């Protein structure tokens, strides 16, 4: 099992989750974070730290977010590991909880 960053992280990119991750499994893109399923140790510490409520256990993924499991794995292969907290995107507060943000994902 692994944990998965979902759509609500797009254009927010809060990094509170990164500080609590003992496995350094988060990878950073321009406007989104992903979890590497190969390095995630299923500790769940990141879930409660995410201000956007964008992280789910893969077994609890909402049906409309299942494609993010594959997307996290794909992007973790090309994006660098992020090991410490950084400032969220300037527009984070405006974009939190907005639907249909996948079109804005920058690779």
PDB file of N, CA and C in Angstrom:
ATOM      1  N   UNK A   1       0.846  -1.193   0.000  1.00  0.00           N
ATOM      2  CA  UNK A   1       0.000   0.000   0.000  1.00  0.00           C
ATOM      3  C   UNK A   1       0.882   1.244   0.000  1.00  0.00           C
ATOM      4  N   UNK A   2       0.277   2.325  -0.390  1.00  0.00           N
ATOM      5  CA  UNK A   2       0.972   3.600  -0.405  1.00  0.00           C
ATOM      6  C   UNK A   2      -0.040   4.707  -0.157  1.00  0.00           C
ATOM      7  N   UNK A   3       0.461   5.858   0.079  1.00  0.00           N
ATOM      8  CA  UNK A   3      -0.389   7.048   0.171  1.00  0.00           C
ATOM      9  C   UNK A   3      -0.248   7.822  -1.126  1.00  0.00           C
ATOM     10  N   UNK A   4      -1.277   8.608  -1.455  1.00  0.00           N
ATOM     11  CA  UNK A   4      -1.369   9.237  -2.764  1.00  0.00           C
ATOM     12  C   UNK A   4      -1.753  10.702  -2.604  1.00  0.00           C
ATOM     13  N   UNK A   5      -1.024  11.586  -3.291  1.00  0.00           N
ATOM     14  CA  UNK A   5      -1.388  12.999  -3.343  1.00  0.00           C
ATOM     15  C   UNK A   5      -2.394  13.150  -4.476  1.00  0.00           C
ATOM     16  N   UNK A   6      -3.494  13.828  -4.192  1.00  0.00           N
ATOM     17  CA  UNK A   6      -4.577  13.946  -5.166  1.00  0.00           C
ATOM     18  C   UNK A   6      -4.736  15.383  -5.665  1.00  0.00           C
ATOM     19  N   UNK A   7      -5.766  15.570  -6.447  1.00  0.00           N
ATOM     20  CA  UNK A   7      -6.007  16.809  -7.187  1.00  0.00           C
ATOM     21  C   UNK A   7      -5.990  18.080  -6.344  1.00  0.00           C
ATOM     22  N   UNK A   8      -6.423  18.008  -5.102  1.00  0.00           N
ATOM     23  CA  UNK A   8      -6.524  19.236  -4.309  1.00  0.00           C
ATOM     24  C   UNK A   8      -5.168  19.875  -4.020  1.00  0.00           C
ATOM     25  N   UNK A   9      -4.088  19.168  -4.258  1.00  0.00           N
ATOM     26  CA  UNK A   9      -2.748  19.752  -4.073  1.00  0.00           C
ATOM     27  C   UNK A   9      -2.351  20.655  -5.242  1.00  0.00           C
ATOM     28  N   UNK A  10      -2.922  20.425  -6.405  1.00  0.00           N
ATOM     29  CA  UNK A  10      -2.538  21.193  -7.595  1.00  0.00           C
ATOM     30  C   UNK A  10      -2.809  22.687  -7.364  1.00  0.00           C
ATOM     31  N   UNK A  11      -1.805  23.481  -7.658  1.00  0.00           N
ATOM     32  CA  UNK A  11      -1.802  24.940  -7.521  1.00  0.00           C
ATOM     33  C   UNK A  11      -1.833  25.414  -6.070  1.00  0.00           C
ATOM     34  N   UNK A  12      -1.612  24.511  -5.139  1.00  0.00           N
ATOM     35  CA  UNK A  12      -1.487  24.870  -3.715  1.00  0.00           C
ATOM     36  C   UNK A  12      -0.067  24.547  -3.253  1.00  0.00           C
ATOM     37  N   UNK A  13       0.282  23.258  -3.325  1.00  0.00           N
ATOM     38  CA  UNK A  13       1.614  22.751  -2.989  1.00  0.00           C
ATOM     39  C   UNK A  13       2.065  23.149  -1.584  1.00  0.00           C
ATOM     40  N   UNK A  14       1.196  22.881  -0.616  1.00  0.00           N
ATOM     41  CA  UNK A  14       1.626  23.012   0.779  1.00  0.00           C
ATOM     42  C   UNK A  14       2.639  21.907   1.034  1.00  0.00           C
ATOM     43  N   UNK A  15       3.625  22.177   1.858  1.00  0.00           N
ATOM     44  CA  UNK A  15       4.664  21.170   2.086  1.00  0.00           C
ATOM     45  C   UNK A  15       4.751  20.729   3.545  1.00  0.00           C
ATOM     46  N   UNK A  16       3.714  20.969   4.300  1.00  0.00           N
ATOM     47  CA  UNK A  16       3.697  20.542   5.702  1.00  0.00           C
ATOM     48  C   UNK A  16       3.933  19.036   5.817  1.00  0.00           C
ATOM     49  N   UNK A  17       3.457  18.292   4.853  1.00  0.00           N
ATOM     50  CA  UNK A  17       3.574  16.836   4.821  1.00  0.00           C
ATOM     51  C   UNK A  17       5.030  16.386   4.719  1.00  0.00           C
ATOM     52  N   UNK A  18       5.841  17.166   4.066  1.00  0.00           N
ATOM     53  CA  UNK A  18       7.227  16.799   3.818  1.00  0.00           C
ATOM     54  C   UNK A  18       8.019  16.701   5.118  1.00  0.00           C
ATOM     55  N   UNK A  19       7.797  17.607   6.035  1.00  0.00           N
ATOM     56  CA  UNK A  19       8.545  17.625   7.302  1.00  0.00           C
ATOM     57  C   UNK A  19       8.343  16.372   8.140  1.00  0.00           C
ATOM     58  N   UNK A  20       7.172  15.777   8.081  1.00  0.00           N
ATOM     59  CA  UNK A  20       6.885  14.626   8.935  1.00  0.00           C
ATOM     60  C   UNK A  20       7.201  13.287   8.272  1.00  0.00           C
ATOM     61  N   UNK A  21       7.559  13.299   7.008  1.00  0.00           N
ATOM     62  CA  UNK A  21       7.804  12.051   6.276  1.00  0.00           C
ATOM     63  C   UNK A  21       9.177  11.471   6.654  1.00  0.00           C
ATOM     64  N   UNK A  22       9.202  10.304   7.308  1.00  0.00           N
ATOM     65  CA  UNK A  22      10.487   9.707   7.684  1.00  0.00           C
ATOM     66  C   UNK A  22      11.199   9.009   6.525  1.00  0.00           C
ATOM     67  N   UNK A  23      10.522   8.872   5.384  1.00  0.00           N
ATOM     68  CA  UNK A  23      11.092   8.121   4.263  1.00  0.00           C
ATOM     69  C   UNK A  23      11.490   8.994   3.080  1.00  0.00           C
ATOM     70  N   UNK A  24      11.338  10.309   3.190  1.00  0.00           N
ATOM     71  CA  UNK A  24      11.663  11.210   2.083  1.00  0.00           C
ATOM     72  C   UNK A  24      11.041  10.732   0.770  1.00  0.00           C
ATOM     73  N   UNK A  25       9.739  10.455   0.815  1.00  0.00           N
ATOM     74  CA  UNK A  25       9.077   9.907  -0.379  1.00  0.00           C
ATOM     75  C   UNK A  25       8.359  10.964  -1.206  1.00  0.00           C
ATOM     76  N   UNK A  26       8.410  12.235  -0.787  1.00  0.00           N
ATOM     77  CA  UNK A  26       7.749  13.290  -1.561  1.00  0.00           C
ATOM     78  C   UNK A  26       8.670  13.811  -2.657  1.00  0.00           C
ATOM     79  N   UNK A  27       8.065  14.061  -3.805  1.00  0.00           N
ATOM     80  CA  UNK A  27       8.771  14.636  -4.949  1.00  0.00           C
ATOM     81  C   UNK A  27       8.020  15.897  -5.354  1.00  0.00           C
ATOM     82  N   UNK A  28       8.788  16.894  -5.812  1.00  0.00           N
ATOM     83  CA  UNK A  28       8.218  18.217  -6.084  1.00  0.00           C
ATOM     84  C   UNK A  28       8.256  18.571  -7.555  1.00  0.00           C
ATOM     85  N   UNK A  29       7.088  18.985  -8.046  1.00  0.00           N
ATOM     86  CA  UNK A  29       6.975  19.526  -9.386  1.00  0.00           C
ATOM     87  C   UNK A  29       6.681  21.016  -9.293  1.00  0.00           C
ATOM     88  N   UNK A  30       6.437  21.658 -10.411  1.00  0.00           N
ATOM     89  CA  UNK A  30       6.208  23.102 -10.408  1.00  0.00           C
ATOM     90  C   UNK A  30       5.016  23.558  -9.561  1.00  0.00           C
ATOM     91  N   UNK A  31       3.919  22.782  -9.583  1.00  0.00           N
ATOM     92  CA  UNK A  31       2.746  23.223  -8.809  1.00  0.00           C
ATOM     93  C   UNK A  31       2.001  22.059  -8.159  1.00  0.00           C
ATOM     94  N   UNK A  32       2.746  20.999  -7.809  1.00  0.00           N
ATOM     95  CA  UNK A  32       2.129  19.791  -7.267  1.00  0.00           C
ATOM     96  C   UNK A  32       3.206  18.945  -6.598  1.00  0.00           C
ATOM     97  N   UNK A  33       2.833  18.193  -5.592  1.00  0.00           N
ATOM     98  CA  UNK A  33       3.716  17.215  -4.960  1.00  0.00           C
ATOM     99  C   UNK A  33       3.185  15.822  -5.257  1.00  0.00           C
ATOM    100  N   UNK A  34       4.059  14.838  -5.269  1.00  0.00           N
ATOM    101  CA  UNK A  34       3.638  13.449  -5.400  1.00  0.00           C
ATOM    102  C   UNK A  34       4.379  12.606  -4.370  1.00  0.00           C
ATOM    103  N   UNK A  35       3.820  11.434  -4.105  1.00  0.00           N
ATOM    104  CA  UNK A  35       4.449  10.463  -3.217  1.00  0.00           C
ATOM    105  C   UNK A  35       4.962   9.310  -4.067  1.00  0.00           C
ATOM    106  N   UNK A  36       6.204   8.938  -3.830  1.00  0.00           N
ATOM    107  CA  UNK A  36       6.787   7.802  -4.531  1.00  0.00           C
ATOM    108  C   UNK A  36       6.290   6.516  -3.861  1.00  0.00           C
ATOM    109  N   UNK A  37       5.517   5.695  -4.572  1.00  0.00           N
ATOM    110  CA  UNK A  37       4.997   4.479  -3.960  1.00  0.00           C
ATOM    111  C   UNK A  37       6.086   3.451  -3.635  1.00  0.00           C
ATOM    112  N   UNK A  38       7.239   3.586  -4.247  1.00  0.00           N
ATOM    113  CA  UNK A  38       8.339   2.652  -3.980  1.00  0.00           C
ATOM    114  C   UNK A  38       9.023   2.946  -2.649  1.00  0.00           C
ATOM    115  N   UNK A  39       8.945   4.204  -2.188  1.00  0.00           N
ATOM    116  CA  UNK A  39       9.643   4.558  -0.949  1.00  0.00           C
ATOM    117  C   UNK A  39       8.696   4.862   0.206  1.00  0.00           C
ATOM    118  N   UNK A  40       7.409   5.007  -0.059  1.00  0.00           N
ATOM    119  CA  UNK A  40       6.421   5.265   0.990  1.00  0.00           C
ATOM    120  C   UNK A  40       6.361   4.058   1.931  1.00  0.00           C
ATOM    121  N   UNK A  41       6.428   4.318   3.230  1.00  0.00           N
ATOM    122  CA  UNK A  41       6.395   3.232   4.213  1.00  0.00           C
ATOM    123  C   UNK A  41       5.027   3.118   4.895  1.00  0.00           C
ATOM    124  N   UNK A  42       4.030   3.782   4.355  1.00  0.00           N
ATOM    125  CA  UNK A  42       2.654   3.672   4.840  1.00  0.00           C
ATOM    126  C   UNK A  42       2.475   4.098   6.295  1.00  0.00           C
ATOM    127  N   UNK A  43       3.212   5.105   6.713  1.00  0.00           N
ATOM    128  CA  UNK A  43       3.126   5.530   8.111  1.00  0.00           C
ATOM    129  C   UNK A  43       1.918   6.427   8.376  1.00  0.00           C
ATOM    130  N   UNK A  44       1.392   7.071   7.363  1.00  0.00           N
ATOM    131  CA  UNK A  44       0.221   7.958   7.409  1.00  0.00           C
ATOM    132  C   UNK A  44       0.448   9.290   8.106  1.00  0.00           C
ATOM    133  N   UNK A  45       1.661   9.606   8.490  1.00  0.00           N
ATOM    134  CA  UNK A  45       1.926  10.869   9.183  1.00  0.00           C
ATOM    135  C   UNK A  45       1.588  12.087   8.325  1.00  0.00           C
ATOM    136  N   UNK A  46       1.732  11.953   7.029  1.00  0.00           N
ATOM    137  CA  UNK A  46       1.501  13.071   6.118  1.00  0.00           C
ATOM    138  C   UNK A  46       0.034  13.461   6.009  1.00  0.00           C
ATOM    139  N   UNK A  47      -0.861  12.517   6.190  1.00  0.00           N
ATOM    140  CA  UNK A  47      -2.285  12.755   5.948  1.00  0.00           C
ATOM    141  C   UNK A  47      -2.807  13.905   6.795  1.00  0.00           C
ATOM    142  N   UNK A  48      -2.588  13.850   8.084  1.00  0.00           N
ATOM    143  CA  UNK A  48      -3.121  14.894   8.967  1.00  0.00           C
ATOM    144  C   UNK A  48      -2.382  16.219   8.863  1.00  0.00           C
ATOM    145  N   UNK A  49      -1.216  16.222   8.248  1.00  0.00           N
ATOM    146  CA  UNK A  49      -0.449  17.457   8.105  1.00  0.00           C
ATOM    147  C   UNK A  49      -0.851  18.274   6.880  1.00  0.00           C
ATOM    148  N   UNK A  50      -1.558  17.682   5.948  1.00  0.00           N
ATOM    149  CA  UNK A  50      -1.897  18.359   4.698  1.00  0.00           C
ATOM    150  C   UNK A  50      -3.061  19.328   4.896  1.00  0.00           C
ATOM    151  N   UNK A  51      -2.822  20.647   4.780  1.00  0.00           N
ATOM    152  CA  UNK A  51      -3.894  21.626   4.948  1.00  0.00           C
ATOM    153  C   UNK A  51      -4.963  21.539   3.863  1.00  0.00           C
ATOM    154  N   UNK A  52      -4.631  20.935   2.744  1.00  0.00           N
ATOM    155  CA  UNK A  52      -5.577  20.817   1.631  1.00  0.00           C
ATOM    156  C   UNK A  52      -6.343  19.493   1.654  1.00  0.00           C
ATOM    157  N   UNK A  53      -6.064  18.643   2.630  1.00  0.00           N
ATOM    158  CA  UNK A  53      -6.700  17.314   2.694  1.00  0.00           C
ATOM    159  C   UNK A  53      -6.574  16.591   1.351  1.00  0.00           C
ATOM    160  N   UNK A  54      -5.380  16.626   0.790  1.00  0.00           N
ATOM    161  CA  UNK A  54      -5.143  16.075  -0.543  1.00  0.00           C
ATOM    162  C   UNK A  54      -4.454  14.715  -0.535  1.00  0.00           C
ATOM    163  N   UNK A  55      -4.170  14.150   0.647  1.00  0.00           N
ATOM    164  CA  UNK A  55      -3.440  12.888   0.718  1.00  0.00           C
ATOM    165  C   UNK A  55      -4.351  11.792   1.262  1.00  0.00           C
ATOM    166  N   UNK A  56      -4.371  10.665   0.537  1.00  0.00           N
ATOM    167  CA  UNK A  56      -5.212   9.528   0.908  1.00  0.00           C
ATOM    168  C   UNK A  56      -4.416   8.233   0.888  1.00  0.00           C
ATOM    169  N   UNK A  57      -4.818   7.307   1.734  1.00  0.00           N
ATOM    170  CA  UNK A  57      -4.355   5.933   1.619  1.00  0.00           C
ATOM    171  C   UNK A  57      -4.919   5.418   0.301  1.00  0.00           C
ATOM    172  N   UNK A  58      -4.141   4.686  -0.464  1.00  0.00           N
ATOM    173  CA  UNK A  58      -4.631   4.237  -1.777  1.00  0.00           C
ATOM    174  C   UNK A  58      -5.924   3.449  -1.675  1.00  0.00           C
ATOM    175  N   UNK A  59      -6.138   2.744  -0.585  1.00  0.00           N
ATOM    176  CA  UNK A  59      -7.375   1.971  -0.453  1.00  0.00           C
ATOM    177  C   UNK A  59      -8.586   2.849  -0.154  1.00  0.00           C
ATOM    178  N   UNK A  60      -8.351   4.096   0.219  1.00  0.00           N
ATOM    179  CA  UNK A  60      -9.434   5.033   0.533  1.00  0.00           C
ATOM    180  C   UNK A  60      -9.603   6.133  -0.510  1.00  0.00           C
ATOM    181  N   UNK A  61      -8.933   5.989  -1.642  1.00  0.00           N
ATOM    182  CA  UNK A  61      -9.022   7.017  -2.687  1.00  0.00           C
ATOM    183  C   UNK A  61     -10.466   7.179  -3.153  1.00  0.00           C
ATOM    184  N   UNK A  62     -10.948   8.418  -3.242  1.00  0.00           N
ATOM    185  CA  UNK A  62     -12.274   8.618  -3.837  1.00  0.00           C
ATOM    186  C   UNK A  62     -12.256   8.103  -5.279  1.00  0.00           C
ATOM    187  N   UNK A  63     -13.372   7.573  -5.758  1.00  0.00           N
ATOM    188  CA  UNK A  63     -13.404   6.994  -7.111  1.00  0.00           C
ATOM    189  C   UNK A  63     -12.899   7.933  -8.205  1.00  0.00           C
ATOM    190  N   UNK A  64     -13.175   9.209  -8.087  1.00  0.00           N
ATOM    191  CA  UNK A  64     -12.745  10.141  -9.134  1.00  0.00           C
ATOM    192  C   UNK A  64     -11.272  10.540  -9.018  1.00  0.00           C
ATOM    193  N   UNK A  65     -10.554   9.972  -8.046  1.00  0.00           N
ATOM    194  CA  UNK A  65      -9.144  10.301  -7.845  1.00  0.00           C
ATOM    195  C   UNK A  65      -8.211   9.103  -8.077  1.00  0.00           C
ATOM    196  N   UNK A  66      -8.741   7.972  -8.499  1.00  0.00           N
ATOM    197  CA  UNK A  66      -7.923   6.764  -8.671  1.00  0.00           C
ATOM    198  C   UNK A  66      -6.785   6.952  -9.659  1.00  0.00           C
ATOM    199  N   UNK A  67      -6.959   7.787 -10.661  1.00  0.00           N
ATOM    200  CA  UNK A  67      -5.887   7.992 -11.651  1.00  0.00           C
ATOM    201  C   UNK A  67      -4.659   8.667 -11.039  1.00  0.00           C
ATOM    202  N   UNK A  68      -4.814   9.273  -9.853  1.00  0.00           N
ATOM    203  CA  UNK A  68      -3.669   9.905  -9.200  1.00  0.00           C
ATOM    204  C   UNK A  68      -2.679   8.892  -8.640  1.00  0.00           C
ATOM    205  N   UNK A  69      -3.085   7.666  -8.430  1.00  0.00           N
ATOM    206  CA  UNK A  69      -2.162   6.617  -7.992  1.00  0.00           C
ATOM    207  C   UNK A  69      -1.088   6.413  -9.060  1.00  0.00           C
ATOM    208  N   UNK A  70      -1.509   6.265 -10.290  1.00  0.00           N
ATOM    209  CA  UNK A  70      -0.572   6.103 -11.403  1.00  0.00           C
ATOM    210  C   UNK A  70       0.223   7.388 -11.660  1.00  0.00           C
ATOM    211  N   UNK A  71      -0.435   8.527 -11.551  1.00  0.00           N
ATOM    212  CA  UNK A  71       0.232   9.804 -11.789  1.00  0.00           C
ATOM    213  C   UNK A  71       1.335  10.051 -10.759  1.00  0.00           C
ATOM    214  N   UNK A  72       1.085   9.730  -9.480  1.00  0.00           N
ATOM    215  CA  UNK A  72       2.120   9.874  -8.451  1.00  0.00           C
ATOM    216  C   UNK A  72       3.331   9.022  -8.793  1.00  0.00           C
ATOM    217  N   UNK A  73       3.096   7.764  -9.178  1.00  0.00           N
ATOM    218  CA  UNK A  73       4.199   6.859  -9.515  1.00  0.00           C
ATOM    219  C   UNK A  73       4.990   7.369 -10.713  1.00  0.00           C
ATOM    220  N   UNK A  74       4.286   7.834 -11.721  1.00  0.00           N
ATOM    221  CA  UNK A  74       4.941   8.334 -12.939  1.00  0.00           C
ATOM    222  C   UNK A  74       5.803   9.563 -12.656  1.00  0.00           C
ATOM    223  N   UNK A  75       5.245  10.546 -11.964  1.00  0.00           N
ATOM    224  CA  UNK A  75       5.963  11.795 -11.744  1.00  0.00           C
ATOM    225  C   UNK A  75       7.074  11.657 -10.700  1.00  0.00           C
ATOM    226  N   UNK A  76       6.940  10.717  -9.781  1.00  0.00           N
ATOM    227  CA  UNK A  76       8.002  10.482  -8.798  1.00  0.00           C
ATOM    228  C   UNK A  76       9.285   9.996  -9.471  1.00  0.00           C
ATOM    229  N   UNK A  77       9.147   9.406 -10.642  1.00  0.00           N
ATOM    230  CA  UNK A  77      10.316   8.933 -11.388  1.00  0.00           C
ATOM    231  C   UNK A  77      11.101  10.078 -12.033  1.00  0.00           C
ATOM    232  N   UNK A  78      10.462  11.227 -12.233  1.00  0.00           N
ATOM    233  CA  UNK A  78      11.137  12.314 -12.950  1.00  0.00           C
ATOM    234  C   UNK A  78      11.328  13.581 -12.108  1.00  0.00           C
ATOM    235  N   UNK A  79      10.541  13.769 -11.077  1.00  0.00           N
ATOM    236  CA  UNK A  79      10.673  14.962 -10.241  1.00  0.00           C
ATOM    237  C   UNK A  79      11.633  14.698  -9.092  1.00  0.00           C
ATOM    238  N   UNK A  80      12.332  15.736  -8.610  1.00  0.00           N
ATOM    239  CA  UNK A  80      13.281  15.556  -7.516  1.00  0.00           C
ATOM    240  C   UNK A  80      12.591  15.377  -6.163  1.00  0.00           C
ATOM    241  N   UNK A  81      13.286  14.697  -5.283  1.00  0.00           N
ATOM    242  CA  UNK A  81      12.818  14.537  -3.902  1.00  0.00           C
ATOM    243  C   UNK A  81      12.842  15.904  -3.226  1.00  0.00           C
ATOM    244  N   UNK A  82      11.825  16.168  -2.430  1.00  0.00           N
ATOM    245  CA  UNK A  82      11.810  17.376  -1.608  1.00  0.00           C
ATOM    246  C   UNK A  82      11.941  16.917  -0.160  1.00  0.00           C
ATOM    247  N   UNK A  83      12.897  17.481   0.554  1.00  0.00           N
ATOM    248  CA  UNK A  83      13.187  17.018   1.907  1.00  0.00           C
ATOM    249  C   UNK A  83      12.860  17.984   3.019  1.00  0.00           C
ATOM    250  N   UNK A  84      12.444  19.184   2.648  1.00  0.00           N
ATOM    251  CA  UNK A  84      12.094  20.143   3.697  1.00  0.00           C
ATOM    252  C   UNK A  84      10.968  21.054   3.231  1.00  0.00           C
ATOM    253  N   UNK A  85      10.329  21.654   4.204  1.00  0.00           N
ATOM    254  CA  UNK A  85       9.192  22.527   3.941  1.00  0.00           C
ATOM    255  C   UNK A  85       9.618  23.768   3.164  1.00  0.00           C
ATOM    256  N   UNK A  86       8.734  24.197   2.268  1.00  0.00           N
ATOM    257  CA  UNK A  86       8.939  25.454   1.557  1.00  0.00           C
ATOM    258  C   UNK A  86       7.628  26.237   1.602  1.00  0.00           C
ATOM    259  N   UNK A  87       7.658  27.436   1.124  1.00  0.00           N
ATOM    260  CA  UNK A  87       6.474  28.294   1.131  1.00  0.00           C
ATOM    261  C   UNK A  87       5.477  27.763   0.092  1.00  0.00           C
ATOM    262  N   UNK A  88       4.185  27.683   0.454  1.00  0.00           N
ATOM    263  CA  UNK A  88       3.202  27.252  -0.546  1.00  0.00           C
ATOM    264  C   UNK A  88       3.136  28.245  -1.699  1.00  0.00           C
ATOM    265  N   UNK A  89       2.521  27.843  -2.772  1.00  0.00           N
ATOM    266  CA  UNK A  89       2.358  28.740  -3.908  1.00  0.00           C
ATOM    267  C   UNK A  89       1.553  29.966  -3.490  1.00  0.00           C
ATOM    268  N   UNK A  90       1.827  31.091  -4.107  1.00  0.00           N
ATOM    269  CA  UNK A  90       1.172  32.351  -3.749  1.00  0.00           C
ATOM    270  C   UNK A  90      -0.344  32.274  -3.861  1.00  0.00           C
ATOM    271  N   UNK A  91      -0.826  31.491  -4.809  1.00  0.00           N
ATOM    272  CA  UNK A  91      -2.270  31.401  -5.024  1.00  0.00           C
ATOM    273  C   UNK A  91      -2.920  30.252  -4.255  1.00  0.00           C
ATOM    274  N   UNK A  92      -2.208  29.625  -3.352  1.00  0.00           N
ATOM    275  CA  UNK A  92      -2.706  28.431  -2.664  1.00  0.00           C
ATOM    276  C   UNK A  92      -4.071  28.641  -2.019  1.00  0.00           C
ATOM    277  N   UNK A  93      -4.232  29.699  -1.291  1.00  0.00           N
ATOM    278  CA  UNK A  93      -5.513  29.945  -0.611  1.00  0.00           C
ATOM    279  C   UNK A  93      -6.663  30.100  -1.603  1.00  0.00           C
ATOM    280  N   UNK A  94      -6.386  30.654  -2.760  1.00  0.00           N
ATOM    281  CA  UNK A  94      -7.424  30.840  -3.775  1.00  0.00           C
ATOM    282  C   UNK A  94      -7.814  29.524  -4.454  1.00  0.00           C
ATOM    283  N   UNK A  95      -6.888  28.561  -4.484  1.00  0.00           N
ATOM    284  CA  UNK A  95      -7.117  27.327  -5.243  1.00  0.00           C
ATOM    285  C   UNK A  95      -7.512  26.132  -4.390  1.00  0.00           C
ATOM    286  N   UNK A  96      -7.359  26.232  -3.093  1.00  0.00           N
ATOM    287  CA  UNK A  96      -7.711  25.093  -2.236  1.00  0.00           C
ATOM    288  C   UNK A  96      -9.198  24.767  -2.410  1.00  0.00           C
ATOM    289  N   UNK A  97      -9.489  23.497  -2.539  1.00  0.00           N
ATOM    290  CA  UNK A  97     -10.854  22.975  -2.682  1.00  0.00           C
ATOM    291  C   UNK A  97     -11.566  23.334  -3.984  1.00  0.00           C
ATOM    292  N   UNK A  98     -10.849  23.879  -4.960  1.00  0.00           N
ATOM    293  CA  UNK A  98     -11.476  24.106  -6.273  1.00  0.00           C
ATOM    294  C   UNK A  98     -11.487  22.770  -7.027  1.00  0.00           C
ATOM    295  N   UNK A  99     -12.575  22.461  -7.700  1.00  0.00           N
ATOM    296  CA  UNK A  99     -12.648  21.194  -8.439  1.00  0.00           C
ATOM    297  C   UNK A  99     -11.959  21.280  -9.806  1.00  0.00           C
ATOM    298  N   UNK A 100     -11.735  20.124 -10.378  1.00  0.00           N
ATOM    299  CA  UNK A 100     -11.234  19.993 -11.744  1.00  0.00           C
ATOM    300  C   UNK A 100      -9.944  20.777 -12.011  1.00  0.00           C
ATOM    301  N   UNK A 101      -8.948  20.545 -11.162  1.00  0.00           N
ATOM    302  CA  UNK A 101      -7.675  21.252 -11.299  1.00  0.00           C
ATOM    303  C   UNK A 101      -6.632  20.481 -12.110  1.00  0.00           C
ATOM    304  N   UNK A 102      -6.921  19.256 -12.491  1.00  0.00           N
ATOM    305  CA  UNK A 102      -5.936  18.459 -13.213  1.00  0.00           C
ATOM    306  C   UNK A 102      -5.439  19.171 -14.472  1.00  0.00           C
ATOM    307  N   UNK A 103      -6.294  19.920 -15.118  1.00  0.00           N
ATOM    308  CA  UNK A 103      -5.903  20.651 -16.333  1.00  0.00           C
ATOM    309  C   UNK A 103      -4.790  21.675 -16.066  1.00  0.00           C
ATOM    310  N   UNK A 104      -4.581  22.044 -14.807  1.00  0.00           N
ATOM    311  CA  UNK A 104      -3.582  23.041 -14.454  1.00  0.00           C
ATOM    312  C   UNK A 104      -2.257  22.418 -13.987  1.00  0.00           C
ATOM    313  N   UNK A 105      -2.188  21.105 -13.948  1.00  0.00           N
ATOM    314  CA  UNK A 105      -0.973  20.439 -13.505  1.00  0.00           C
ATOM    315  C   UNK A 105       0.161  20.745 -14.469  1.00  0.00           C
ATOM    316  N   UNK A 106       1.256  21.273 -13.927  1.00  0.00           N
ATOM    317  CA  UNK A 106       2.457  21.558 -14.724  1.00  0.00           C
ATOM    318  C   UNK A 106       3.451  20.414 -14.517  1.00  0.00           C
ATOM    319  N   UNK A 107       3.913  19.889 -15.609  1.00  0.00           N
ATOM    320  CA  UNK A 107       4.883  18.787 -15.516  1.00  0.00           C
ATOM    321  C   UNK A 107       6.266  19.316 -15.674  1.00  0.00           C
TER     322      UNK A 107
END
